[in-house]
């Protein structure tokens, strides 16, 4: 989840501008209800972890706007005040298959002196907001990418066209002109995002009336449009493949500047299909919420007044109750409103979960334990009896951790994430032991010994299965120590006869000659041994370790429940 760091004085000034007092204890108490976690709250800095479903809170300015409604109960306005602008931007038809969504906006009249905000802090905040939106809405600039420019250095109208790779301009942070091909191969941003335009024969650029290049989206802006301490008027371009992501990104950057005193102006955009429309569209979105759904999910019937107050706190506006549904207007930049159930959640948050009333279950609550419940209990009892601490790691992992670093092979087909947002989470895990190694790696500053275990789900051949793994880091541990723990574990489960035989070299993360497999009633239930120091070094671990991993399905099949 993204984290933002906001200066308390910025929140204080923005709230004071609208007649509200900055109350730190109240912020710390109520902000988590809005969809955030506060990591730090003192007289200078507010560090807030923003939940992924609220990208509209990723800057101090947009957060301040939400605070006024949620905490200070200011009347909400889901419509965005936008002045009709005269600037136009035309999109070439060739962009349809290169980067089809092109939007723009203008914000004028930013005067940082009135708010006593330093230019450096403002520019840093603006860039930070852009990058967080690139992550949260843009999926690494693929769905949406944002450019912010100094309008005084530009000559409208603007044109978006497709050009060849030998087109030259001076990119941001450079002093000499470079071709697009050179930018993709040599410029740091070009290298980072070249994959977004790979295999393209032509590339998108935005130029002004003097044919100067503003931007090469989604890679880099032109150097001459850089925002500086003297910039008062801004031109914002957003390009991409997903309209909702682009529209929300455009509006949120515009709102950030509006909160600092700017006036938003629309831009007339003629898209690649020849259709003309003004952006951004400031009108709110009308939603119909079935009353039956609202009452059924909340478990109580709220009055129109209660719904009005609740939805106002979340930035929306209650319009009417008509028959079996109610009408609610929500801001167009609320990217997370996808379904009526999202409105139910907003009403519950705005009203307060603790104030929804009480009820009793209306269905029979008798049940029987799952088939594997007793086995899971026995496994946990055994692990805790051996002095280990249970942990729970992420089901998402990556090829290096799961296979390459630990010398393990995939079992069946590997279930991969189609659009991963980070290189660390690209597939669903097939083994638990790599997660324990990664955990100890992040906790290597703690004292030894460290003993952890996990009972969790893995996905093999697109099917779930349950496994157990444990890992122990201790200075005196060896094969005899891990073999003793395995024997105690098997005894706890009720296994009376089993075979322990050596594993081949380089099969798994084990040290050669110091690893074995366990076979019960002809079934291979798991492996154990000392961790090879070469494998440990890849996880930045330099202590002796031993561990094991077992299949709970094979254990259940091979070792009868003694009870």
Protein backbone atom coordinates (compact mmCIF):
# COMPACT_ATOMS: atom_id res chain seq x y z
CA UNK A 1 0.00 0.00 0.00
CA UNK A 2 1.38 3.46 -0.87
CA UNK A 3 2.38 5.77 1.97
CA UNK A 4 2.28 9.56 1.84
CA UNK A 5 4.20 11.92 4.08
CA UNK A 6 2.45 15.26 4.62
CA UNK A 7 3.67 18.28 6.54
CA UNK A 8 1.23 19.15 9.30
CA UNK A 9 1.50 22.84 8.39
CA UNK A 10 0.15 22.12 4.90
CA UNK A 11 -2.96 20.39 6.31
CA UNK A 12 -3.34 23.21 8.81
CA UNK A 13 -3.19 25.91 6.13
CA UNK A 14 -5.58 24.13 3.77
CA UNK A 15 -8.13 23.54 6.54
CA UNK A 16 -7.79 27.09 7.86
CA UNK A 17 -8.41 28.41 4.34
CA UNK A 18 -11.89 26.82 4.54
CA UNK A 19 -12.57 27.90 8.12
CA UNK A 20 -11.64 24.67 9.94
CA UNK A 21 -9.20 23.98 12.77
CA UNK A 22 -6.42 21.43 12.49
CA UNK A 23 -6.92 18.95 15.33
CA UNK A 24 -4.12 16.34 15.50
CA UNK A 25 -5.80 14.00 18.05
CA UNK A 26 -9.01 14.06 16.02
CA UNK A 27 -7.07 13.24 12.87
CA UNK A 28 -5.30 10.33 14.53
CA UNK A 29 -8.60 8.99 15.87
CA UNK A 30 -10.81 9.32 12.78
CA UNK A 31 -8.58 9.10 9.70
CA UNK A 32 -8.25 5.28 9.92
CA UNK A 33 -12.04 5.11 9.47
CA UNK A 34 -11.70 6.87 6.12
CA UNK A 35 -9.50 4.14 4.65
CA UNK A 36 -6.02 4.93 5.94
CA UNK A 37 -3.52 3.81 8.56
CA UNK A 38 -1.49 6.45 10.38
CA UNK A 39 2.15 5.43 10.78
CA UNK A 40 3.31 8.70 12.35
CA UNK A 41 1.44 11.71 13.67
CA UNK A 42 3.29 14.51 15.45
CA UNK A 43 3.52 18.29 15.35
CA UNK A 44 5.51 18.26 12.09
CA UNK A 45 4.79 15.20 9.91
CA UNK A 46 1.80 13.01 9.16
CA UNK A 47 2.80 9.64 7.61
CA UNK A 48 -0.28 7.87 6.28
CA UNK A 49 -0.64 4.49 4.61
CA UNK A 50 -3.41 4.79 2.03
CA UNK A 51 -5.53 1.73 1.30
CA UNK A 52 -5.46 0.71 -2.39
CA UNK A 53 -9.16 1.48 -2.88
CA UNK A 54 -8.69 5.22 -2.17
CA UNK A 55 -6.24 6.66 -4.75
CA UNK A 56 -8.04 10.00 -4.31
CA UNK A 57 -6.20 10.45 -0.98
CA UNK A 58 -2.63 10.19 -2.31
CA UNK A 59 -1.64 13.84 -1.79
CA UNK A 60 -1.86 16.22 1.14
CA UNK A 61 -4.18 18.46 -0.87
CA UNK A 62 -6.70 15.80 -1.91
CA UNK A 63 -6.54 14.31 1.58
CA UNK A 64 -7.34 17.73 3.05
CA UNK A 65 -10.41 17.95 0.81
CA UNK A 66 -11.64 14.59 2.15
CA UNK A 67 -10.87 15.59 5.76
CA UNK A 68 -13.14 18.63 5.53
CA UNK A 69 -16.13 16.42 4.73
CA UNK A 70 -15.30 13.43 6.89
CA UNK A 71 -14.04 15.03 10.08
CA UNK A 72 -15.29 18.63 9.93
CA UNK A 73 -18.64 17.73 8.31
CA UNK A 74 -18.38 20.47 5.69
CA UNK A 75 -21.10 20.23 3.04
CA UNK A 76 -19.74 18.12 0.22
CA UNK A 77 -19.68 19.10 -3.43
CA UNK A 78 -19.24 16.06 -5.71
CA UNK A 79 -19.12 18.40 -8.73
CA UNK A 80 -15.76 19.92 -9.65
CA UNK A 81 -15.78 23.64 -10.42
CA UNK A 82 -14.30 24.03 -13.91
CA UNK A 83 -14.10 27.16 -16.06
CA UNK A 84 -14.68 26.76 -19.81
CA UNK A 85 -11.28 27.09 -21.51
CA UNK A 86 -10.23 28.10 -25.01
CA UNK A 87 -7.15 25.88 -25.41
CA UNK A 88 -7.53 23.00 -27.86
CA UNK A 89 -5.66 19.73 -28.41
CA UNK A 90 -6.08 17.60 -31.55
CA UNK A 91 -5.17 13.90 -31.67
CA UNK A 92 -3.96 12.24 -34.86
CA UNK A 93 -5.96 9.20 -36.02
CA UNK A 94 -2.74 7.11 -36.00
CA UNK A 95 -2.78 7.21 -32.19
CA UNK A 96 -5.73 4.77 -32.10
CA UNK A 97 -3.35 1.81 -32.02
CA UNK A 98 -0.44 3.51 -30.24
CA UNK A 99 -1.93 5.39 -27.25
CA UNK A 100 -5.60 6.14 -27.87
CA UNK A 101 -6.74 7.97 -24.69
CA UNK A 102 -5.49 11.58 -24.62
CA UNK A 103 -6.89 14.08 -22.09
CA UNK A 104 -5.85 17.55 -20.95
CA UNK A 105 -6.57 20.29 -18.44
CA UNK A 106 -5.29 23.75 -17.51
CA UNK A 107 -4.90 25.15 -13.98
CA UNK A 108 -4.12 28.86 -13.60
CA UNK A 109 -3.24 31.23 -10.80
CA UNK A 110 -1.13 29.24 -8.33
CA UNK A 111 0.43 31.68 -5.84
CA UNK A 112 2.50 29.77 -3.31
CA UNK A 113 3.41 32.96 -1.45
CA UNK A 114 -0.18 33.34 -0.24
CA UNK A 115 -0.04 29.91 1.36
CA UNK A 116 3.56 30.34 2.59
CA UNK A 117 4.61 27.07 0.92
CA UNK A 118 8.14 26.72 -0.44
CA UNK A 119 8.49 26.03 -4.16
CA UNK A 120 10.74 23.03 -3.50
CA UNK A 121 8.15 21.41 -1.21
CA UNK A 122 5.39 22.10 -3.73
CA UNK A 123 7.29 20.62 -6.70
CA UNK A 124 8.32 17.58 -4.67
CA UNK A 125 4.71 17.06 -3.57
CA UNK A 126 3.43 17.39 -7.15
CA UNK A 127 5.98 14.89 -8.49
CA UNK A 128 5.33 12.50 -5.62
CA UNK A 129 1.57 12.62 -6.30
CA UNK A 130 2.19 11.90 -10.00
CA UNK A 131 4.31 8.84 -9.27
CA UNK A 132 1.83 7.45 -6.75
CA UNK A 133 -0.98 7.84 -9.29
CA UNK A 134 1.23 6.15 -11.90
CA UNK A 135 1.46 3.23 -9.48
CA UNK A 136 -2.11 3.14 -8.14
CA UNK A 137 -4.11 4.02 -11.26
CA UNK A 138 -1.63 3.88 -14.11
CA UNK A 139 -0.23 0.37 -13.45
CA UNK A 140 3.32 1.57 -14.03
CA UNK A 141 2.24 4.17 -16.66
CA UNK A 142 0.65 1.52 -18.91
CA UNK A 143 -3.00 2.40 -18.26
CA UNK A 144 -2.33 6.07 -17.58
CA UNK A 145 0.66 8.41 -17.55
CA UNK A 146 0.69 12.05 -16.44
CA UNK A 147 2.64 15.07 -17.67
CA UNK A 148 2.59 18.46 -15.93
CA UNK A 149 4.01 21.48 -17.79
CA UNK A 150 4.64 25.20 -17.34
CA UNK A 151 1.94 26.72 -19.59
CA UNK A 152 3.81 30.03 -19.95
CA UNK A 153 6.52 28.23 -21.96
CA UNK A 154 4.02 26.72 -24.41
CA UNK A 155 2.15 27.99 -27.46
CA UNK A 156 -1.33 26.44 -27.77
CA UNK A 157 -3.07 24.81 -29.56
CA UNK A 158 -1.51 21.39 -29.09
CA UNK A 159 -1.27 18.41 -31.41
CA UNK A 160 -0.70 14.76 -30.52
CA UNK A 161 0.82 12.82 -33.39
CA UNK A 162 2.73 9.65 -34.22
CA UNK A 163 6.37 10.07 -35.30
CA UNK A 164 9.31 7.86 -36.18
CA UNK A 165 12.08 6.89 -33.78
CA UNK A 166 14.58 9.34 -35.29
CA UNK A 167 12.53 12.38 -34.16
CA UNK A 168 14.65 14.64 -31.92
CA UNK A 169 13.92 16.83 -28.90
CA UNK A 170 15.58 17.74 -25.59
CA UNK A 171 14.16 15.45 -22.88
CA UNK A 172 13.80 16.35 -19.22
CA UNK A 173 17.11 16.68 -17.31
CA UNK A 174 19.18 16.79 -20.55
CA UNK A 175 20.89 19.68 -22.35
CA UNK A 176 21.25 18.15 -25.83
CA UNK A 177 18.61 16.89 -28.24
CA UNK A 178 18.19 13.12 -28.43
CA UNK A 179 16.28 10.92 -30.84
CA UNK A 180 13.39 8.87 -29.47
CA UNK A 181 15.39 5.70 -30.12
CA UNK A 182 18.32 7.11 -28.12
CA UNK A 183 16.00 8.12 -25.27
CA UNK A 184 14.64 4.57 -25.05
CA UNK A 185 18.16 3.15 -24.92
CA UNK A 186 20.11 5.76 -22.92
CA UNK A 187 17.86 8.04 -20.85
CA UNK A 188 17.11 6.57 -17.36
CA UNK A 189 13.34 7.00 -17.79
CA UNK A 190 13.52 5.66 -21.32
CA UNK A 191 15.27 2.51 -20.14
CA UNK A 192 12.75 2.06 -17.31
CA UNK A 193 9.65 2.39 -19.49
CA UNK A 194 10.80 1.32 -22.95
CA UNK A 195 8.76 -1.89 -22.60
CA UNK A 196 5.56 0.18 -22.84
CA UNK A 197 6.31 1.14 -26.46
CA UNK A 198 8.33 -1.87 -27.60
CA UNK A 199 7.58 -3.17 -31.10
CA UNK A 200 6.07 0.19 -32.08
CA UNK A 201 7.20 1.61 -35.43
CA UNK A 202 5.88 5.06 -34.47
CA UNK A 203 5.70 6.81 -31.13
CA UNK A 204 3.33 9.41 -29.60
CA UNK A 205 4.49 12.98 -28.99
CA UNK A 206 2.62 16.14 -27.98
CA UNK A 207 3.73 19.36 -29.71
CA UNK A 208 2.59 22.97 -29.47
CA UNK A 209 1.88 25.49 -32.26
CA UNK A 210 5.62 26.13 -32.66
CA UNK A 211 6.23 22.39 -33.14
CA UNK A 212 8.12 22.19 -29.82
CA UNK A 213 7.77 18.80 -28.10
CA UNK A 214 5.98 18.98 -24.74
CA UNK A 215 5.99 15.29 -24.05
CA UNK A 216 6.83 11.82 -25.31
CA UNK A 217 4.22 9.84 -23.36
CA UNK A 218 4.44 7.62 -21.41
CA UNK A 219 8.23 8.06 -21.20
CA UNK A 220 9.45 11.62 -20.62
CA UNK A 221 8.52 15.32 -20.90
CA UNK A 222 10.41 17.90 -22.88
CA UNK A 223 12.98 19.82 -20.84
CA UNK A 224 11.72 23.32 -21.73
CA UNK A 225 8.29 22.74 -20.10
CA UNK A 226 9.70 21.91 -16.66
CA UNK A 227 7.71 23.27 -13.71
CA UNK A 228 9.81 25.71 -11.66
CA UNK A 229 9.43 27.95 -8.62
CA UNK A 230 8.01 30.73 -10.84
CA UNK A 231 5.33 28.57 -12.54
CA UNK A 232 1.81 29.90 -11.97
CA UNK A 233 -0.15 28.35 -14.86
CA UNK A 234 -0.06 24.63 -15.61
CA UNK A 235 -0.98 22.38 -18.52
CA UNK A 236 -1.71 18.74 -17.61
CA UNK A 237 -1.76 15.93 -20.13
CA UNK A 238 -2.82 12.37 -19.35
CA UNK A 239 -2.48 9.57 -21.91
CA UNK A 240 -3.09 5.85 -21.77
CA UNK A 241 -5.28 2.88 -22.60
CA UNK A 242 -7.92 2.97 -19.83
CA UNK A 243 -10.31 5.94 -19.89
CA UNK A 244 -11.38 5.74 -16.22
CA UNK A 245 -7.76 5.62 -15.03
CA UNK A 246 -6.82 8.56 -17.26
CA UNK A 247 -9.84 10.65 -16.25
CA UNK A 248 -9.34 10.05 -12.51
CA UNK A 249 -5.61 10.86 -12.77
CA UNK A 250 -6.31 14.09 -14.65
CA UNK A 251 -8.92 15.24 -12.13
CA UNK A 252 -6.83 14.38 -9.07
CA UNK A 253 -3.79 16.35 -10.28
CA UNK A 254 -6.11 19.26 -11.13
CA UNK A 255 -7.74 19.06 -7.68
CA UNK A 256 -4.33 19.11 -6.01
CA UNK A 257 -3.55 22.40 -7.78
CA UNK A 258 -7.07 23.77 -7.19
CA UNK A 259 -6.67 23.20 -3.44
CA UNK A 260 -3.63 25.47 -3.60
CA UNK A 261 -5.72 28.28 -5.05
CA UNK A 262 -5.67 27.46 -8.77
CA UNK A 263 -8.58 27.73 -11.21
CA UNK A 264 -9.26 24.70 -13.39
CA UNK A 265 -9.97 25.32 -17.07
CA UNK A 266 -11.20 22.72 -19.53
CA UNK A 267 -9.31 21.78 -22.70
CA UNK A 268 -11.11 21.03 -25.96
CA UNK A 269 -9.83 17.62 -27.09
CA UNK A 270 -10.50 16.20 -30.54
CA UNK A 271 -9.77 12.50 -30.15
CA UNK A 272 -8.32 10.04 -32.65
CA UNK A 273 -11.84 9.27 -33.92
CA UNK A 274 -12.55 12.94 -34.71
CA UNK A 275 -14.95 13.47 -31.77
CA UNK A 276 -14.59 16.69 -29.76
CA UNK A 277 -15.21 17.03 -26.03
CA UNK A 278 -14.04 19.27 -23.18
CA UNK A 279 -11.99 17.75 -20.34
CA UNK A 280 -12.05 17.40 -17.44
CA UNK A 281 -15.75 16.73 -16.99
CA UNK A 282 -16.52 18.13 -13.55
CA UNK A 283 -20.06 16.80 -13.20
CA UNK A 284 -20.73 14.14 -10.58
CA UNK A 285 -21.82 10.59 -11.41
CA UNK A 286 -25.38 9.52 -10.54
CA UNK A 287 -25.74 6.12 -8.88
CA UNK A 288 -28.87 4.10 -8.09
CA UNK A 289 -28.64 2.03 -4.90
CA UNK A 290 -31.33 -0.63 -4.21
CA UNK A 291 -32.76 -0.11 -0.73
CA UNK A 292 -33.06 -3.86 -0.27
CA UNK A 293 -29.32 -4.23 -0.82
CA UNK A 294 -28.51 -1.38 1.58
CA UNK A 295 -30.72 -2.69 4.39
CA UNK A 296 -29.71 -6.30 3.81
CA UNK A 297 -25.97 -5.65 4.00
CA UNK A 298 -26.13 -3.16 6.87
CA UNK A 299 -28.67 -5.16 8.87
CA UNK A 300 -30.67 -2.05 9.73
CA UNK A 301 -32.80 0.59 8.05
CA UNK A 302 -31.29 4.06 7.95
CA UNK A 303 -33.39 7.19 7.63
CA UNK A 304 -32.89 9.59 4.73
CA UNK A 305 -31.24 12.01 7.15
CA UNK A 306 -28.76 9.36 8.31
CA UNK A 307 -27.93 8.39 4.72
CA UNK A 308 -27.53 12.06 3.78
CA UNK A 309 -25.08 12.67 6.63
CA UNK A 310 -23.17 9.45 5.97
CA UNK A 311 -22.72 9.99 2.24
CA UNK A 312 -21.85 13.67 2.81
CA UNK A 313 -18.93 12.60 5.00
CA UNK A 314 -17.67 10.48 2.07
CA UNK A 315 -17.81 13.41 -0.39
CA UNK A 316 -21.10 12.46 -2.08
CA UNK A 317 -24.63 13.85 -2.02
CA UNK A 318 -27.94 12.11 -1.29
CA UNK A 319 -30.44 13.15 -3.97
CA UNK A 320 -33.71 11.28 -3.43
CA UNK A 321 -35.51 8.09 -2.41
CA UNK A 322 -37.68 6.79 -5.23
CA UNK A 323 -39.59 3.55 -4.80
CA UNK A 324 -37.15 0.70 -4.24
CA UNK A 325 -33.93 2.68 -4.68
CA UNK A 326 -32.14 5.81 -3.62
CA UNK A 327 -30.18 8.16 -5.87
CA UNK A 328 -26.72 9.31 -4.83
CA UNK A 329 -24.27 11.57 -6.67
CA UNK A 330 -20.59 10.74 -6.17
CA UNK A 331 -17.47 12.55 -7.42
CA UNK A 332 -16.28 11.45 -10.84
CA UNK A 333 -12.72 11.08 -9.48
CA UNK A 334 -13.80 8.38 -7.00
CA UNK A 335 -12.23 5.62 -9.09
CA UNK A 336 -13.17 2.99 -6.51
CA UNK A 337 -16.96 3.28 -6.98
CA UNK A 338 -17.59 0.34 -9.31
CA UNK A 339 -20.79 -1.24 -7.98
CA UNK A 340 -23.72 -0.35 -5.68
CA UNK A 341 -22.08 -2.42 -2.94
CA UNK A 342 -19.27 0.18 -2.88
CA UNK A 343 -21.90 2.80 -1.98
CA UNK A 344 -23.14 0.57 0.84
CA UNK A 345 -19.58 0.46 2.19
CA UNK A 346 -19.26 4.25 1.95
CA UNK A 347 -22.55 4.72 3.83
CA UNK A 348 -21.42 2.27 6.52
CA UNK A 349 -18.08 4.10 6.92
CA UNK A 350 -19.73 7.53 6.94
CA UNK A 351 -22.39 6.44 9.42
CA UNK A 352 -19.95 4.51 11.60
CA UNK A 353 -19.72 0.73 11.88
CA UNK A 354 -20.06 0.94 15.63
CA UNK A 355 -23.46 2.66 15.28
CA UNK A 356 -25.26 0.23 12.97
CA UNK A 357 -27.11 -1.53 15.80
CA UNK A 358 -27.09 -5.12 17.03
CA UNK A 359 -28.73 -8.29 15.81
CA UNK A 360 -28.60 -12.03 16.30
CA UNK A 361 -27.87 -14.69 13.67
CA UNK A 362 -30.99 -15.70 11.77
CA UNK A 363 -29.68 -19.03 10.49
CA UNK A 364 -28.67 -22.20 12.38
CA UNK A 365 -25.08 -21.90 13.61
CA UNK A 366 -24.42 -25.59 14.29
CA UNK A 367 -21.56 -26.99 12.25
CA UNK A 368 -19.05 -29.78 12.10
CA UNK A 369 -15.28 -29.42 11.78
CA UNK A 370 -13.63 -29.70 8.38
CA UNK A 371 -11.99 -33.00 7.54
CA UNK A 372 -8.53 -31.50 7.95
CA UNK A 373 -9.26 -29.51 11.12
CA UNK A 374 -7.92 -32.13 13.53
CA UNK A 375 -4.74 -32.59 11.48
CA UNK A 376 -4.11 -28.84 11.38
CA UNK A 377 -4.59 -28.66 15.15
CA UNK A 378 -2.19 -31.55 15.75
CA UNK A 379 0.43 -30.04 13.43
CA UNK A 380 0.23 -26.65 15.17
CA UNK A 381 0.38 -28.23 18.62
CA UNK A 382 3.50 -30.15 17.61
CA UNK A 383 5.23 -27.10 16.13
CA UNK A 384 4.48 -24.95 19.15
CA UNK A 385 5.60 -27.77 21.42
CA UNK A 386 8.94 -27.68 19.59
CA UNK A 387 9.24 -24.00 20.47
CA UNK A 388 8.39 -22.49 17.09
CA UNK A 389 6.42 -19.35 16.29
CA UNK A 390 3.71 -19.44 13.65
CA UNK A 391 3.82 -16.87 10.85
CA UNK A 392 1.72 -16.15 7.80
CA UNK A 393 3.39 -14.92 4.63
CA UNK A 394 2.02 -13.70 1.32
CA UNK A 395 0.66 -16.24 -1.15
CA UNK A 396 2.15 -14.11 -3.95
CA UNK A 397 5.81 -14.67 -4.77
CA UNK A 398 8.21 -14.65 -7.73
CA UNK A 399 10.37 -17.01 -9.80
CA UNK A 400 13.63 -16.15 -8.04
CA UNK A 401 12.36 -16.82 -4.52
CA UNK A 402 10.30 -19.89 -5.43
CA UNK A 403 12.63 -21.65 -7.88
CA UNK A 404 15.91 -20.05 -8.93
CA UNK A 405 17.44 -19.10 -5.57
CA UNK A 406 16.36 -22.29 -3.78
CA UNK A 407 17.04 -24.76 -6.64
CA UNK A 408 13.47 -26.05 -6.73
CA UNK A 409 11.43 -26.99 -9.79
CA UNK A 410 7.84 -26.08 -10.49
CA UNK A 411 5.22 -28.74 -9.86
CA UNK A 412 2.63 -28.80 -12.64
CA UNK A 413 1.73 -25.48 -14.22
CA UNK A 414 2.74 -22.32 -12.39
CA UNK A 415 -0.16 -19.89 -11.78
CA UNK A 416 1.10 -16.48 -12.86
CA UNK A 417 -0.37 -13.00 -12.38
CA UNK A 418 -1.39 -11.48 -15.72
CA UNK A 419 -0.75 -7.84 -14.74
CA UNK A 420 1.60 -7.83 -11.72
CA UNK A 421 2.16 -4.41 -10.15
CA UNK A 422 5.58 -5.37 -8.76
CA UNK A 423 8.34 -7.78 -9.81
CA UNK A 424 8.21 -9.33 -6.32
CA UNK A 425 4.64 -10.61 -6.81
CA UNK A 426 4.33 -12.31 -10.18
CA UNK A 427 2.98 -15.79 -9.32
CA UNK A 428 1.17 -17.86 -6.69
CA UNK A 429 3.63 -19.77 -4.53
CA UNK A 430 4.30 -23.50 -4.84
CA UNK A 431 6.52 -23.79 -1.74
CA UNK A 432 6.42 -22.26 1.76
CA UNK A 433 10.12 -22.52 2.66
CA UNK A 434 11.25 -19.59 0.43
CA UNK A 435 8.83 -17.31 2.28
CA UNK A 436 10.41 -18.33 5.61
CA UNK A 437 13.90 -17.62 4.22
CA UNK A 438 12.73 -14.19 3.08
CA UNK A 439 11.19 -13.57 6.52
CA UNK A 440 14.42 -14.41 8.36
CA UNK A 441 16.30 -12.23 5.89
CA UNK A 442 14.25 -9.19 6.92
CA UNK A 443 14.70 -10.08 10.62
CA UNK A 444 18.41 -10.88 10.61
CA UNK A 445 19.06 -8.00 13.03
CA UNK A 446 17.25 -9.94 15.79
CA UNK A 447 18.99 -12.31 18.20
CA UNK A 448 19.33 -16.04 17.59
CA UNK A 449 17.86 -18.58 17.75
CA UNK A 450 14.89 -17.85 15.51
CA UNK A 451 12.36 -20.63 14.95
CA UNK A 452 9.34 -20.09 12.71
CA UNK A 453 6.80 -22.27 10.94
CA UNK A 454 3.92 -21.78 8.54
CA UNK A 455 0.87 -23.84 7.68
CA UNK A 456 -0.45 -22.42 4.44
CA UNK A 457 -1.85 -22.86 0.97
CA UNK A 458 0.20 -23.32 -2.18
CA UNK A 459 -1.05 -23.50 -5.76
CA UNK A 460 0.20 -26.28 -8.03
CA UNK A 461 -1.26 -26.93 -11.45
CA UNK A 462 -3.82 -24.19 -10.67
CA UNK A 463 -5.14 -26.19 -7.70
CA UNK A 464 -4.80 -25.39 -3.99
CA UNK A 465 -3.04 -27.69 -1.55
CA UNK A 466 -1.87 -27.30 2.05
CA UNK A 467 1.70 -27.58 3.25
CA UNK A 468 3.77 -27.16 6.38
CA UNK A 469 7.26 -25.66 6.50
CA UNK A 470 9.52 -24.64 9.34
CA UNK A 471 12.94 -22.98 9.52
CA UNK A 472 15.35 -22.59 12.42
CA UNK A 473 18.38 -20.30 12.56
CA UNK A 474 20.74 -21.27 15.40
CA UNK A 475 24.48 -21.30 15.92
CA UNK A 476 24.73 -24.91 17.08
CA UNK A 477 22.19 -26.55 14.77
CA UNK A 478 23.18 -29.41 12.51
CA UNK A 479 21.68 -32.43 10.80
CA UNK A 480 21.34 -34.29 14.10
CA UNK A 481 19.28 -31.42 15.53
CA UNK A 482 16.86 -31.25 12.58
CA UNK A 483 16.55 -35.06 12.45
CA UNK A 484 15.60 -35.05 16.15
CA UNK A 485 12.91 -32.44 15.51
CA UNK A 486 11.50 -34.45 12.60
CA UNK A 487 11.35 -37.60 14.73
CA UNK A 488 9.55 -35.66 17.49
CA UNK A 489 7.12 -34.22 14.93
CA UNK A 490 6.32 -37.65 13.45
CA UNK A 491 5.84 -39.07 16.95
CA UNK A 492 3.40 -36.26 17.78
CA UNK A 493 1.38 -37.10 14.66
CA UNK A 494 1.25 -40.77 15.60
CA UNK A 495 3.60 -42.20 12.93
CA UNK A 496 5.15 -45.43 14.20
CA UNK A 497 6.90 -46.64 11.06
CA UNK A 498 8.62 -44.42 8.52
CA UNK A 499 11.74 -44.28 6.34
CA UNK A 500 14.32 -41.48 6.24
CA UNK A 501 16.56 -41.67 3.18
CA UNK A 502 19.15 -39.25 1.67
CA UNK A 503 18.21 -36.72 -1.00
CA UNK A 504 20.26 -36.28 -4.21
CA UNK A 505 22.69 -33.34 -4.31
CA UNK A 506 21.42 -29.92 -5.48
CA UNK A 507 17.80 -30.95 -5.12
CA UNK A 508 16.34 -28.03 -3.23
CA UNK A 509 18.06 -25.57 -0.88
CA UNK A 510 19.71 -28.36 1.13
CA UNK A 511 23.41 -28.83 1.89
CA UNK A 512 24.82 -31.85 0.03
CA UNK A 513 24.80 -34.96 2.21
CA UNK A 514 22.84 -33.17 4.93
CA UNK A 515 19.28 -33.59 3.68
CA UNK A 516 16.72 -36.40 3.61
CA UNK A 517 13.18 -37.25 2.60
CA UNK A 518 10.53 -38.87 4.78
CA UNK A 519 8.45 -41.76 3.42
CA UNK A 520 5.46 -43.17 5.33
CA UNK A 521 3.53 -46.18 4.03
CA UNK A 522 5.18 -45.71 0.64
CA UNK A 523 4.21 -42.04 0.36
CA UNK A 524 6.80 -39.26 0.18
CA UNK A 525 5.43 -36.75 2.71
CA UNK A 526 8.26 -34.20 2.86
CA UNK A 527 11.94 -33.26 3.03
CA UNK A 528 14.24 -31.78 5.67
CA UNK A 529 17.89 -30.87 6.15
CA UNK A 530 20.49 -28.18 6.63
CA UNK A 531 20.24 -25.11 4.39
CA UNK A 532 23.18 -24.78 1.97
CA UNK A 533 25.23 -21.67 2.95
CA UNK A 534 25.36 -20.68 -0.76
CA UNK A 535 21.56 -20.54 -0.79
CA UNK A 536 21.52 -18.68 2.54
CA UNK A 537 23.88 -16.03 1.14
CA UNK A 538 21.45 -15.30 -1.68
CA UNK A 539 18.95 -14.29 1.04
CA UNK A 540 21.69 -12.28 2.85
CA UNK A 541 21.79 -14.79 5.71
CA UNK A 542 25.11 -15.92 7.23
CA UNK A 543 23.97 -18.22 10.06
CA UNK A 544 23.51 -22.00 10.16
CA UNK A 545 19.92 -22.94 9.38
CA UNK A 546 17.90 -26.09 9.10
CA UNK A 547 14.33 -26.61 8.05
CA UNK A 548 11.72 -28.83 6.46
CA UNK A 549 8.66 -28.79 4.22
CA UNK A 550 5.80 -31.33 4.22
CA UNK A 551 2.60 -31.93 2.28
CA UNK A 552 -0.39 -32.04 4.62
CA UNK A 553 -2.41 -34.00 2.06
CA UNK A 554 0.25 -36.73 2.00
CA UNK A 555 0.44 -36.71 5.80
CA UNK A 556 -3.34 -37.12 6.08
CA UNK A 557 -3.24 -39.98 3.58
CA UNK A 558 -0.30 -41.76 5.23
CA UNK A 559 -0.72 -41.23 8.99
CA UNK A 560 -4.13 -42.10 10.46
CA UNK A 561 -5.54 -39.87 13.17
CA UNK A 562 -4.75 -41.80 16.39
CA UNK A 563 -7.84 -40.33 18.08
